Amino acid sequence: MKEIILGMAEYNLKANERLGEILKSQGPQVLTKDMGSFYKSIQATLEHILIAEVSWLKKFAGFFSYPILANAWLVGAEMDDVKARASGNFPVLISFLHDADLLFVGFAKLIDEAQLGARVRFKNMKGEELQRTYWNTLIHILNHGTHHRGEISALLDMQGVSNDYSGFNLYTS
């Protein structure tokens, strides 16, 4: 299971890097155009991906001891500060997302396989107390990024922007 989680974390890093390269060549008209999707625009969807990933990294730091997370500036930062700095600022957003993805890969390498079956408690974004199996929470956030990258791919297709970046086998051996 750890190998799968690490593979997905590395894939998310590489797919987000490639997506960032594609988006850097586009202007604000592509990034901020209201496309009628849930988060309206590509930029807003990327902001959502970042906030969700940072939120989960913060949770993971509290489940077990991971020095890489305990010492990470993104994990220690106030969420409102991360949101404010990344909101509407594409270069900062891409930089923060890259930092979060690197943290996730580094942290995934340290996961103890024996802990993956443990039950963990956390609060969701609504403040509700939940309990899940640890591996489930890891797969959840990794899948979350994949889901929204697929959405961004469709938004780029709708705007005529070539974007073949999201296939898992593009980045794995």
N, C-alpha and C. Protein backbone atom coordinates (compact mmCIF):
# COMPACT_ATOMS: atom_id res chain seq x y z
N MET A 1 0.83 -1.21 0.00
CA MET A 1 0.00 0.00 0.00
C MET A 1 0.87 1.26 0.00
N LYS A 2 1.95 1.26 0.78
CA LYS A 2 2.82 2.44 0.83
C LYS A 2 3.37 2.75 -0.57
N GLU A 3 3.73 1.71 -1.31
CA GLU A 3 4.27 1.89 -2.65
C GLU A 3 3.25 2.57 -3.57
N ILE A 4 1.99 2.23 -3.41
CA ILE A 4 0.92 2.84 -4.21
C ILE A 4 0.77 4.31 -3.82
N ILE A 5 0.77 4.59 -2.53
CA ILE A 5 0.63 5.98 -2.07
C ILE A 5 1.80 6.82 -2.56
N LEU A 6 3.01 6.29 -2.44
CA LEU A 6 4.17 7.02 -2.92
C LEU A 6 4.10 7.23 -4.43
N GLY A 7 3.70 6.21 -5.17
CA GLY A 7 3.56 6.34 -6.62
C GLY A 7 2.54 7.40 -7.00
N MET A 8 1.43 7.44 -6.28
CA MET A 8 0.41 8.46 -6.57
C MET A 8 0.91 9.85 -6.20
N ALA A 9 1.65 9.97 -5.09
CA ALA A 9 2.19 11.27 -4.68
C ALA A 9 3.19 11.78 -5.73
N GLU A 10 4.05 10.88 -6.23
CA GLU A 10 5.01 11.28 -7.26
C GLU A 10 4.29 11.66 -8.55
N TYR A 11 3.25 10.91 -8.89
CA TYR A 11 2.44 11.25 -10.07
C TYR A 11 1.81 12.62 -9.92
N ASN A 12 1.22 12.91 -8.75
CA ASN A 12 0.60 14.22 -8.54
C ASN A 12 1.62 15.34 -8.72
N LEU A 13 2.81 15.15 -8.17
CA LEU A 13 3.87 16.14 -8.32
C LEU A 13 4.18 16.38 -9.80
N LYS A 14 4.41 15.32 -10.53
CA LYS A 14 4.81 15.44 -11.94
C LYS A 14 3.67 15.97 -12.80
N ALA A 15 2.46 15.50 -12.57
CA ALA A 15 1.33 15.98 -13.36
C ALA A 15 1.06 17.46 -13.07
N ASN A 16 1.18 17.87 -11.81
CA ASN A 16 0.99 19.29 -11.48
C ASN A 16 2.10 20.15 -12.07
N GLU A 17 3.32 19.63 -12.10
CA GLU A 17 4.42 20.37 -12.74
C GLU A 17 4.12 20.58 -14.22
N ARG A 18 3.71 19.52 -14.90
CA ARG A 18 3.41 19.62 -16.33
C ARG A 18 2.22 20.54 -16.58
N LEU A 19 1.20 20.44 -15.74
CA LEU A 19 0.06 21.33 -15.86
C LEU A 19 0.51 22.78 -15.69
N GLY A 20 1.36 23.02 -14.71
CA GLY A 20 1.87 24.38 -14.49
C GLY A 20 2.61 24.91 -15.71
N GLU A 21 3.41 24.05 -16.36
CA GLU A 21 4.13 24.46 -17.58
C GLU A 21 3.14 24.87 -18.67
N ILE A 22 2.11 24.09 -18.83
CA ILE A 22 1.09 24.41 -19.85
C ILE A 22 0.42 25.73 -19.52
N LEU A 23 0.04 25.90 -18.26
CA LEU A 23 -0.71 27.10 -17.87
C LEU A 23 0.15 28.36 -17.90
N LYS A 24 1.46 28.23 -17.65
CA LYS A 24 2.34 29.39 -17.69
C LYS A 24 2.39 30.02 -19.08
N SER A 25 2.09 29.23 -20.10
CA SER A 25 2.10 29.76 -21.47
C SER A 25 0.78 30.40 -21.85
N GLN A 26 -0.18 30.38 -20.94
CA GLN A 26 -1.50 30.95 -21.21
C GLN A 26 -1.65 32.28 -20.48
N GLY A 27 -2.49 33.11 -21.01
CA GLY A 27 -2.75 34.39 -20.37
C GLY A 27 -3.89 34.31 -19.37
N PRO A 28 -4.14 35.42 -18.69
CA PRO A 28 -5.22 35.44 -17.70
C PRO A 28 -6.59 35.13 -18.30
N GLN A 29 -6.75 35.40 -19.61
CA GLN A 29 -8.04 35.11 -20.23
C GLN A 29 -8.36 33.62 -20.18
N VAL A 30 -7.36 32.77 -20.19
CA VAL A 30 -7.58 31.32 -20.08
C VAL A 30 -7.67 30.91 -18.60
N LEU A 31 -6.81 31.46 -17.77
CA LEU A 31 -6.74 31.05 -16.37
C LEU A 31 -7.94 31.50 -15.54
N THR A 32 -8.46 32.67 -15.82
CA THR A 32 -9.50 33.25 -14.96
C THR A 32 -10.88 33.29 -15.60
N LYS A 33 -11.00 32.81 -16.81
CA LYS A 33 -12.29 32.83 -17.51
C LYS A 33 -13.31 31.98 -16.75
N ASP A 34 -14.49 32.53 -16.51
CA ASP A 34 -15.56 31.78 -15.87
C ASP A 34 -16.11 30.79 -16.88
N MET A 35 -15.84 29.52 -16.61
CA MET A 35 -16.24 28.45 -17.53
C MET A 35 -17.52 27.75 -17.07
N GLY A 36 -18.12 28.22 -16.00
CA GLY A 36 -19.34 27.61 -15.52
C GLY A 36 -19.14 26.33 -14.73
N SER A 37 -17.89 26.00 -14.42
CA SER A 37 -17.61 24.82 -13.61
C SER A 37 -17.83 25.16 -12.13
N PHE A 38 -17.72 24.17 -11.27
CA PHE A 38 -18.01 24.39 -9.85
C PHE A 38 -17.18 25.52 -9.27
N TYR A 39 -15.87 25.54 -9.55
CA TYR A 39 -15.01 26.60 -9.04
C TYR A 39 -14.83 27.72 -10.05
N LYS A 40 -15.61 27.71 -11.08
CA LYS A 40 -15.72 28.73 -12.13
C LYS A 40 -14.56 28.77 -13.11
N SER A 41 -13.31 28.84 -12.60
CA SER A 41 -12.17 29.03 -13.50
C SER A 41 -11.06 28.03 -13.18
N ILE A 42 -10.09 27.97 -14.09
CA ILE A 42 -8.92 27.12 -13.88
C ILE A 42 -8.15 27.60 -12.65
N GLN A 43 -7.94 28.90 -12.54
CA GLN A 43 -7.21 29.46 -11.40
C GLN A 43 -7.90 29.09 -10.09
N ALA A 44 -9.21 29.28 -10.02
CA ALA A 44 -9.95 28.98 -8.79
C ALA A 44 -9.90 27.48 -8.46
N THR A 45 -9.93 26.64 -9.49
CA THR A 45 -9.84 25.19 -9.26
C THR A 45 -8.47 24.82 -8.71
N LEU A 46 -7.42 25.43 -9.26
CA LEU A 46 -6.07 25.19 -8.74
C LEU A 46 -5.93 25.67 -7.30
N GLU A 47 -6.54 26.80 -6.99
CA GLU A 47 -6.52 27.31 -5.61
C GLU A 47 -7.18 26.31 -4.68
N HIS A 48 -8.28 25.72 -5.13
CA HIS A 48 -8.97 24.70 -4.33
C HIS A 48 -8.08 23.48 -4.11
N ILE A 49 -7.40 23.02 -5.16
CA ILE A 49 -6.49 21.88 -5.03
C ILE A 49 -5.42 22.18 -3.98
N LEU A 50 -4.83 23.37 -4.05
CA LEU A 50 -3.79 23.75 -3.09
C LEU A 50 -4.32 23.76 -1.67
N ILE A 51 -5.44 24.42 -1.44
CA ILE A 51 -5.96 24.55 -0.08
C ILE A 51 -6.32 23.18 0.49
N ALA A 52 -6.90 22.32 -0.33
CA ALA A 52 -7.23 20.97 0.15
C ALA A 52 -5.96 20.20 0.50
N GLU A 53 -4.95 20.28 -0.35
CA GLU A 53 -3.71 19.54 -0.09
C GLU A 53 -3.01 20.04 1.16
N VAL A 54 -2.93 21.35 1.33
CA VAL A 54 -2.29 21.90 2.53
C VAL A 54 -3.10 21.52 3.78
N SER A 55 -4.40 21.58 3.67
CA SER A 55 -5.26 21.20 4.80
C SER A 55 -5.01 19.77 5.23
N TRP A 56 -4.88 18.87 4.26
CA TRP A 56 -4.61 17.47 4.59
C TRP A 56 -3.19 17.26 5.10
N LEU A 57 -2.22 17.97 4.57
CA LEU A 57 -0.86 17.86 5.10
C LEU A 57 -0.84 18.25 6.57
N LYS A 58 -1.59 19.27 6.92
CA LYS A 58 -1.70 19.69 8.32
C LYS A 58 -2.30 18.56 9.17
N LYS A 59 -3.33 17.91 8.65
CA LYS A 59 -3.95 16.80 9.37
C LYS A 59 -2.95 15.65 9.53
N PHE A 60 -2.26 15.30 8.44
CA PHE A 60 -1.30 14.19 8.49
C PHE A 60 -0.21 14.46 9.51
N ALA A 61 0.19 15.70 9.67
CA ALA A 61 1.22 16.06 10.65
C ALA A 61 0.77 15.75 12.07
N GLY A 62 -0.54 15.73 12.29
CA GLY A 62 -1.07 15.45 13.61
C GLY A 62 -1.38 13.99 13.87
N PHE A 63 -1.43 13.18 12.83
CA PHE A 63 -1.76 11.77 13.00
C PHE A 63 -0.59 10.98 13.58
N PHE A 64 0.58 11.18 13.00
CA PHE A 64 1.80 10.49 13.43
C PHE A 64 2.94 11.49 13.35
N SER A 65 4.10 11.12 13.85
CA SER A 65 5.24 12.03 13.87
C SER A 65 6.00 11.98 12.54
N TYR A 66 5.99 13.10 11.84
CA TYR A 66 6.72 13.24 10.58
C TYR A 66 7.51 14.55 10.63
N PRO A 67 8.82 14.48 10.92
CA PRO A 67 9.61 15.71 11.00
C PRO A 67 9.50 16.58 9.75
N ILE A 68 9.41 15.97 8.57
CA ILE A 68 9.33 16.75 7.34
C ILE A 68 8.09 17.65 7.34
N LEU A 69 7.00 17.16 7.95
CA LEU A 69 5.79 17.97 8.02
C LEU A 69 5.84 18.95 9.19
N ALA A 70 6.39 18.50 10.31
CA ALA A 70 6.47 19.36 11.49
C ALA A 70 7.29 20.62 11.22
N ASN A 71 8.29 20.51 10.34
CA ASN A 71 9.18 21.63 10.06
C ASN A 71 8.83 22.39 8.79
N ALA A 72 7.76 22.02 8.13
CA ALA A 72 7.41 22.64 6.85
C ALA A 72 6.66 23.94 7.06
N TRP A 73 7.08 24.96 6.32
CA TRP A 73 6.45 26.27 6.48
C TRP A 73 4.97 26.23 6.07
N LEU A 74 4.63 25.47 5.03
CA LEU A 74 3.22 25.40 4.60
C LEU A 74 2.34 24.76 5.67
N VAL A 75 2.86 23.77 6.37
CA VAL A 75 2.09 23.11 7.42
C VAL A 75 1.92 24.04 8.62
N GLY A 76 2.93 24.84 8.89
CA GLY A 76 2.87 25.76 10.02
C GLY A 76 2.14 27.06 9.72
N ALA A 77 1.95 27.37 8.45
CA ALA A 77 1.31 28.63 8.06
C ALA A 77 -0.18 28.62 8.37
N GLU A 78 -0.71 29.79 8.63
CA GLU A 78 -2.16 29.93 8.80
C GLU A 78 -2.82 29.75 7.44
N MET A 79 -3.91 29.01 7.40
CA MET A 79 -4.60 28.76 6.13
C MET A 79 -5.05 30.06 5.47
N ASP A 80 -5.51 31.01 6.27
CA ASP A 80 -5.95 32.28 5.69
C ASP A 80 -4.81 33.00 4.99
N ASP A 81 -3.60 32.87 5.53
CA ASP A 81 -2.43 33.48 4.91
C ASP A 81 -2.09 32.78 3.59
N VAL A 82 -2.12 31.45 3.59
CA VAL A 82 -1.85 30.69 2.36
C VAL A 82 -2.87 31.08 1.29
N LYS A 83 -4.14 31.11 1.68
CA LYS A 83 -5.21 31.47 0.74
C LYS A 83 -5.00 32.88 0.19
N ALA A 84 -4.74 33.83 1.07
CA ALA A 84 -4.58 35.23 0.65
C ALA A 84 -3.41 35.41 -0.30
N ARG A 85 -2.30 34.74 -0.02
CA ARG A 85 -1.11 34.90 -0.85
C ARG A 85 -1.27 34.24 -2.21
N ALA A 86 -1.99 33.11 -2.27
CA ALA A 86 -2.14 32.37 -3.53
C ALA A 86 -3.32 32.86 -4.37
N SER A 87 -4.31 33.45 -3.73
CA SER A 87 -5.52 33.86 -4.43
C SER A 87 -5.24 34.93 -5.48
N GLY A 88 -5.56 34.61 -6.72
CA GLY A 88 -5.39 35.56 -7.81
C GLY A 88 -3.95 35.81 -8.21
N ASN A 89 -3.01 35.07 -7.66
CA ASN A 89 -1.59 35.26 -7.96
C ASN A 89 -1.04 33.94 -8.50
N PHE A 90 -1.14 33.76 -9.81
CA PHE A 90 -0.79 32.49 -10.42
C PHE A 90 0.64 32.02 -10.11
N PRO A 91 1.67 32.86 -10.22
CA PRO A 91 3.03 32.38 -9.91
C PRO A 91 3.17 31.89 -8.47
N VAL A 92 2.57 32.58 -7.52
CA VAL A 92 2.63 32.14 -6.12
C VAL A 92 1.85 30.85 -5.95
N LEU A 93 0.69 30.77 -6.56
CA LEU A 93 -0.13 29.57 -6.48
C LEU A 93 0.63 28.34 -6.98
N ILE A 94 1.26 28.44 -8.13
CA ILE A 94 2.02 27.32 -8.70
C ILE A 94 3.20 26.97 -7.80
N SER A 95 3.86 27.97 -7.25
CA SER A 95 4.99 27.72 -6.35
C SER A 95 4.54 27.00 -5.08
N PHE A 96 3.45 27.47 -4.49
CA PHE A 96 2.92 26.84 -3.27
C PHE A 96 2.48 25.40 -3.55
N LEU A 97 1.82 25.19 -4.69
CA LEU A 97 1.37 23.84 -5.03
C LEU A 97 2.57 22.91 -5.20
N HIS A 98 3.62 23.42 -5.84
CA HIS A 98 4.83 22.61 -6.00
C HIS A 98 5.43 22.27 -4.64
N ASP A 99 5.49 23.24 -3.74
CA ASP A 99 6.01 23.00 -2.39
C ASP A 99 5.17 21.94 -1.67
N ALA A 100 3.85 22.04 -1.78
CA ALA A 100 2.96 21.08 -1.13
C ALA A 100 3.16 19.68 -1.72
N ASP A 101 3.29 19.60 -3.04
CA ASP A 101 3.50 18.30 -3.69
C ASP A 101 4.84 17.68 -3.28
N LEU A 102 5.89 18.48 -3.20
CA LEU A 102 7.18 17.98 -2.74
C LEU A 102 7.10 17.46 -1.31
N LEU A 103 6.38 18.20 -0.47
CA LEU A 103 6.18 17.76 0.91
C LEU A 103 5.46 16.42 0.95
N PHE A 104 4.44 16.29 0.11
CA PHE A 104 3.67 15.05 0.11
C PHE A 104 4.54 13.87 -0.30
N VAL A 105 5.38 14.05 -1.31
CA VAL A 105 6.28 12.97 -1.74
C VAL A 105 7.25 12.63 -0.61
N GLY A 106 7.86 13.65 0.00
CA GLY A 106 8.81 13.41 1.09
C GLY A 106 8.16 12.72 2.27
N PHE A 107 6.98 13.14 2.60
CA PHE A 107 6.23 12.55 3.71
C PHE A 107 5.81 11.11 3.38
N ALA A 108 5.38 10.87 2.13
CA ALA A 108 4.96 9.51 1.73
C ALA A 108 6.11 8.52 1.87
N LYS A 109 7.33 8.97 1.64
CA LYS A 109 8.48 8.09 1.79
C LYS A 109 8.69 7.66 3.25
N LEU A 110 8.19 8.44 4.20
CA LEU A 110 8.38 8.17 5.62
C LEU A 110 7.24 7.40 6.26
N ILE A 111 6.17 7.19 5.53
CA ILE A 111 5.00 6.50 6.09
C ILE A 111 5.39 5.09 6.52
N ASP A 112 4.95 4.73 7.70
CA ASP A 112 5.16 3.38 8.22
C ASP A 112 3.99 2.52 7.75
N GLU A 113 4.30 1.52 6.96
CA GLU A 113 3.27 0.63 6.41
C GLU A 113 2.35 0.09 7.51
N ALA A 114 2.90 -0.18 8.68
CA ALA A 114 2.11 -0.74 9.77
C ALA A 114 1.05 0.23 10.28
N GLN A 115 1.23 1.52 10.05
CA GLN A 115 0.26 2.51 10.53
C GLN A 115 -0.89 2.75 9.56
N LEU A 116 -0.77 2.27 8.35
CA LEU A 116 -1.77 2.56 7.32
C LEU A 116 -3.17 2.05 7.67
N GLY A 117 -3.26 1.01 8.47
CA GLY A 117 -4.57 0.47 8.87
C GLY A 117 -5.16 1.12 10.10
N ALA A 118 -4.42 2.05 10.71
CA ALA A 118 -4.90 2.72 11.92
C ALA A 118 -6.10 3.61 11.60
N ARG A 119 -6.94 3.79 12.61
CA ARG A 119 -8.06 4.73 12.49
C ARG A 119 -7.57 6.10 12.95
N VAL A 120 -7.87 7.13 12.21
CA VAL A 120 -7.47 8.48 12.55
C VAL A 120 -8.71 9.36 12.67
N ARG A 121 -8.62 10.34 13.55
CA ARG A 121 -9.73 11.29 13.77
C ARG A 121 -9.30 12.66 13.26
N PHE A 122 -10.25 13.36 12.66
CA PHE A 122 -10.00 14.69 12.15
C PHE A 122 -11.31 15.42 11.96
N LYS A 123 -11.21 16.71 11.74
CA LYS A 123 -12.40 17.51 11.43
C LYS A 123 -12.38 17.84 9.95
N ASN A 124 -13.54 17.76 9.34
CA ASN A 124 -13.65 18.16 7.93
C ASN A 124 -13.78 19.67 7.84
N MET A 125 -13.94 20.18 6.63
CA MET A 125 -14.01 21.63 6.42
C MET A 125 -15.24 22.25 7.09
N LYS A 126 -16.24 21.44 7.38
CA LYS A 126 -17.44 21.92 8.07
C LYS A 126 -17.29 21.88 9.58
N GLY A 127 -16.14 21.36 10.06
CA GLY A 127 -15.90 21.25 11.49
C GLY A 127 -16.46 19.99 12.12
N GLU A 128 -16.95 19.08 11.30
CA GLU A 128 -17.50 17.82 11.80
C GLU A 128 -16.37 16.85 12.12
N GLU A 129 -16.48 16.16 13.26
CA GLU A 129 -15.49 15.17 13.67
C GLU A 129 -15.73 13.88 12.89
N LEU A 130 -14.68 13.39 12.23
CA LEU A 130 -14.77 12.15 11.46
C LEU A 130 -13.67 11.19 11.88
N GLN A 131 -13.88 9.92 11.56
CA GLN A 131 -12.87 8.91 11.80
C GLN A 131 -12.79 8.04 10.55
N ARG A 132 -11.55 7.83 10.06
CA ARG A 132 -11.34 7.03 8.86
C ARG A 132 -10.07 6.19 9.03
N THR A 133 -9.93 5.21 8.16
CA THR A 133 -8.69 4.44 8.11
C THR A 133 -7.64 5.34 7.47
N TYR A 134 -6.44 5.33 8.03
CA TYR A 134 -5.38 6.24 7.60
C TYR A 134 -5.13 6.17 6.10
N TRP A 135 -4.98 4.97 5.53
CA TRP A 135 -4.70 4.86 4.10
C TRP A 135 -5.81 5.50 3.28
N ASN A 136 -7.04 5.42 3.76
CA ASN A 136 -8.18 6.01 3.06
C ASN A 136 -8.02 7.52 2.92
N THR A 137 -7.52 8.17 3.97
CA THR A 137 -7.36 9.63 3.92
C THR A 137 -6.27 10.01 2.93
N LEU A 138 -5.23 9.20 2.86
CA LEU A 138 -4.13 9.47 1.92
C LEU A 138 -4.60 9.33 0.47
N ILE A 139 -5.30 8.24 0.19
CA ILE A 139 -5.82 8.03 -1.16
C ILE A 139 -6.84 9.10 -1.51
N HIS A 140 -7.63 9.50 -0.52
CA HIS A 140 -8.65 10.53 -0.75
C HIS A 140 -8.04 11.81 -1.33
N ILE A 141 -7.01 12.34 -0.69
CA ILE A 141 -6.47 13.62 -1.15
C ILE A 141 -5.68 13.46 -2.45
N LEU A 142 -5.03 12.34 -2.62
CA LEU A 142 -4.32 12.10 -3.89
C LEU A 142 -5.32 11.99 -5.04
N ASN A 143 -6.41 11.29 -4.82
CA ASN A 143 -7.45 11.17 -5.84
C ASN A 143 -8.12 12.52 -6.09
N HIS A 144 -8.24 13.33 -5.06
CA HIS A 144 -8.84 14.66 -5.18
C HIS A 144 -8.11 15.49 -6.23
N GLY A 145 -6.78 15.47 -6.18
CA GLY A 145 -6.00 16.22 -7.17
C GLY A 145 -6.22 15.68 -8.57
N THR A 146 -6.27 14.36 -8.70
CA THR A 146 -6.51 13.75 -10.00
C THR A 146 -7.87 14.17 -10.56
N HIS A 147 -8.86 14.15 -9.71
CA HIS A 147 -10.22 14.56 -10.11
C HIS A 147 -10.22 15.98 -10.68
N HIS A 148 -9.63 16.90 -9.95
CA HIS A 148 -9.67 18.30 -10.39
C HIS A 148 -8.74 18.58 -11.57
N ARG A 149 -7.65 17.84 -11.69
CA ARG A 149 -6.84 17.99 -12.90
C ARG A 149 -7.63 17.55 -14.13
N GLY A 150 -8.45 16.52 -13.98
CA GLY A 150 -9.32 16.11 -15.08
C GLY A 150 -10.29 17.21 -15.46
N GLU A 151 -10.82 17.88 -14.45
CA GLU A 151 -11.72 19.01 -14.69
C GLU A 151 -10.98 20.12 -15.43
N ILE A 152 -9.76 20.42 -14.99
CA ILE A 152 -8.97 21.47 -15.64
C ILE A 152 -8.66 21.08 -17.08
N SER A 153 -8.38 19.82 -17.31
CA SER A 153 -8.13 19.34 -18.68
C SER A 153 -9.34 19.62 -19.57
N ALA A 154 -10.52 19.34 -19.06
CA ALA A 154 -11.74 19.61 -19.84
C ALA A 154 -11.91 21.11 -20.08
N LEU A 155 -11.61 21.94 -19.09
CA LEU A 155 -11.72 23.40 -19.25
C LEU A 155 -10.72 23.90 -20.29
N LEU A 156 -9.53 23.32 -20.31
CA LEU A 156 -8.55 23.68 -21.34
C LEU A 156 -9.01 23.22 -22.71
N ASP A 157 -9.55 22.00 -22.80
CA ASP A 157 -10.09 21.51 -24.07
C ASP A 157 -11.15 22.48 -24.61
N MET A 158 -12.02 22.95 -23.75
CA MET A 158 -13.10 23.84 -24.15
C MET A 158 -12.56 25.17 -24.69
N GLN A 159 -11.34 25.52 -24.28
CA GLN A 159 -10.73 26.77 -24.74
C GLN A 159 -9.71 26.54 -25.86
N GLY A 160 -9.64 25.30 -26.34
CA GLY A 160 -8.75 24.98 -27.45
C GLY A 160 -7.28 24.91 -27.09
N VAL A 161 -6.97 24.64 -25.80
CA VAL A 161 -5.58 24.57 -25.34
C VAL A 161 -5.17 23.10 -25.24
N SER A 162 -4.14 22.72 -25.99
CA SER A 162 -3.61 21.36 -25.94
C SER A 162 -3.07 21.08 -24.55
N ASN A 163 -3.40 19.90 -24.00
CA ASN A 163 -3.03 19.65 -22.61
C ASN A 163 -2.89 18.18 -22.25
N ASP A 164 -2.18 17.45 -23.02
CA ASP A 164 -1.99 16.03 -22.72
C ASP A 164 -0.94 15.87 -21.62
N TYR A 165 -1.37 15.97 -20.37
CA TYR A 165 -0.43 15.95 -19.25
C TYR A 165 -0.82 15.01 -18.12
N SER A 166 -2.00 14.44 -18.15
CA SER A 166 -2.52 13.84 -16.93
C SER A 166 -2.47 12.31 -16.85
N GLY A 167 -1.99 11.62 -17.85
CA GLY A 167 -1.97 10.17 -17.78
C GLY A 167 -0.96 9.63 -16.78
N PHE A 168 -1.40 8.77 -15.90
CA PHE A 168 -0.55 8.19 -14.86
C PHE A 168 0.67 7.52 -15.48
N ASN A 169 0.49 6.82 -16.58
CA ASN A 169 1.60 6.11 -17.21
C ASN A 169 2.61 7.02 -17.89
N LEU A 170 2.30 8.30 -18.03
CA LEU A 170 3.28 9.26 -18.56
C LEU A 170 4.42 9.47 -17.58
N TYR A 171 4.16 9.22 -16.30
CA TYR A 171 5.12 9.59 -15.25
C TYR A 171 5.61 8.40 -14.42
N THR A 172 5.18 7.21 -14.73
CA THR A 172 5.58 6.06 -13.93
C THR A 172 6.33 5.06 -14.81
N SER A 173 7.10 4.21 -14.18
CA SER A 173 7.84 3.21 -14.98
C SER A 173 7.33 1.82 -14.71
